[in-house]
């Protein structure tokens, strides 16, 4: 995406990558894996 080319964009965030049920179940391993996958999005 073009917004990543801007020098003032250093990171992105959102809750879209984590499911509420994972948090409720304290499934930290699954949350960590989803965070890794989100980091690879380009």
C-alpha atoms as a PDB file:
ATOM      1  CA  UNK A   1       0.000   0.000   0.000  1.00  0.00           C
ATOM      2  CA  UNK A   2       1.076   3.550  -0.740  1.00  0.00           C
ATOM      3  CA  UNK A   3       0.771   4.749   2.868  1.00  0.00           C
ATOM      4  CA  UNK A   4       3.732   2.549   3.824  1.00  0.00           C
ATOM      5  CA  UNK A   5       5.960   4.686   1.597  1.00  0.00           C
ATOM      6  CA  UNK A   6       5.406   7.757   3.808  1.00  0.00           C
ATOM      7  CA  UNK A   7       8.348   8.498   6.089  1.00  0.00           C
ATOM      8  CA  UNK A   8       6.032   9.442   8.948  1.00  0.00           C
ATOM      9  CA  UNK A   9       4.293   6.022   8.961  1.00  0.00           C
ATOM     10  CA  UNK A  10       6.321   3.870  11.318  1.00  0.00           C
ATOM     11  CA  UNK A  11       3.781   1.194  12.189  1.00  0.00           C
ATOM     12  CA  UNK A  12       0.184   0.076  11.874  1.00  0.00           C
ATOM     13  CA  UNK A  13      -2.142  -1.442  14.407  1.00  0.00           C
ATOM     14  CA  UNK A  14      -5.577  -2.867  14.774  1.00  0.00           C
ATOM     15  CA  UNK A  15      -7.703  -5.408  16.537  1.00  0.00           C
ATOM     16  CA  UNK A  16      -8.736  -7.163  13.340  1.00  0.00           C
ATOM     17  CA  UNK A  17      -5.978  -9.759  13.691  1.00  0.00           C
ATOM     18  CA  UNK A  18      -7.118 -11.053  17.097  1.00  0.00           C
ATOM     19  CA  UNK A  19     -10.378 -12.858  17.801  1.00  0.00           C
ATOM     20  CA  UNK A  20     -12.231 -12.027  21.022  1.00  0.00           C
ATOM     21  CA  UNK A  21     -12.606 -15.723  21.843  1.00  0.00           C
ATOM     22  CA  UNK A  22      -8.816 -16.185  21.847  1.00  0.00           C
ATOM     23  CA  UNK A  23      -8.482 -13.455  24.461  1.00  0.00           C
ATOM     24  CA  UNK A  24     -11.351 -14.830  26.541  1.00  0.00           C
ATOM     25  CA  UNK A  25      -9.761 -18.308  26.433  1.00  0.00           C
ATOM     26  CA  UNK A  26      -6.315 -16.840  27.159  1.00  0.00           C
ATOM     27  CA  UNK A  27      -4.922 -18.637  24.112  1.00  0.00           C
ATOM     28  CA  UNK A  28      -1.701 -16.631  24.084  1.00  0.00           C
ATOM     29  CA  UNK A  29       0.066 -19.032  21.713  1.00  0.00           C
ATOM     30  CA  UNK A  30      -2.583 -18.553  19.018  1.00  0.00           C
ATOM     31  CA  UNK A  31      -2.542 -14.782  19.563  1.00  0.00           C
ATOM     32  CA  UNK A  32       1.242 -14.754  19.200  1.00  0.00           C
ATOM     33  CA  UNK A  33       1.032 -16.740  15.960  1.00  0.00           C
ATOM     34  CA  UNK A  34      -1.584 -14.376  14.515  1.00  0.00           C
ATOM     35  CA  UNK A  35       0.622 -11.417  15.442  1.00  0.00           C
ATOM     36  CA  UNK A  36       3.535 -13.044  13.608  1.00  0.00           C
ATOM     37  CA  UNK A  37       1.377 -13.564  10.531  1.00  0.00           C
ATOM     38  CA  UNK A  38       0.138  -9.963  10.649  1.00  0.00           C
ATOM     39  CA  UNK A  39       3.719  -8.728  10.840  1.00  0.00           C
ATOM     40  CA  UNK A  40       4.431 -10.451   7.520  1.00  0.00           C
ATOM     41  CA  UNK A  41       1.587  -8.658   5.674  1.00  0.00           C
ATOM     42  CA  UNK A  42       3.021  -6.406   2.989  1.00  0.00           C
END
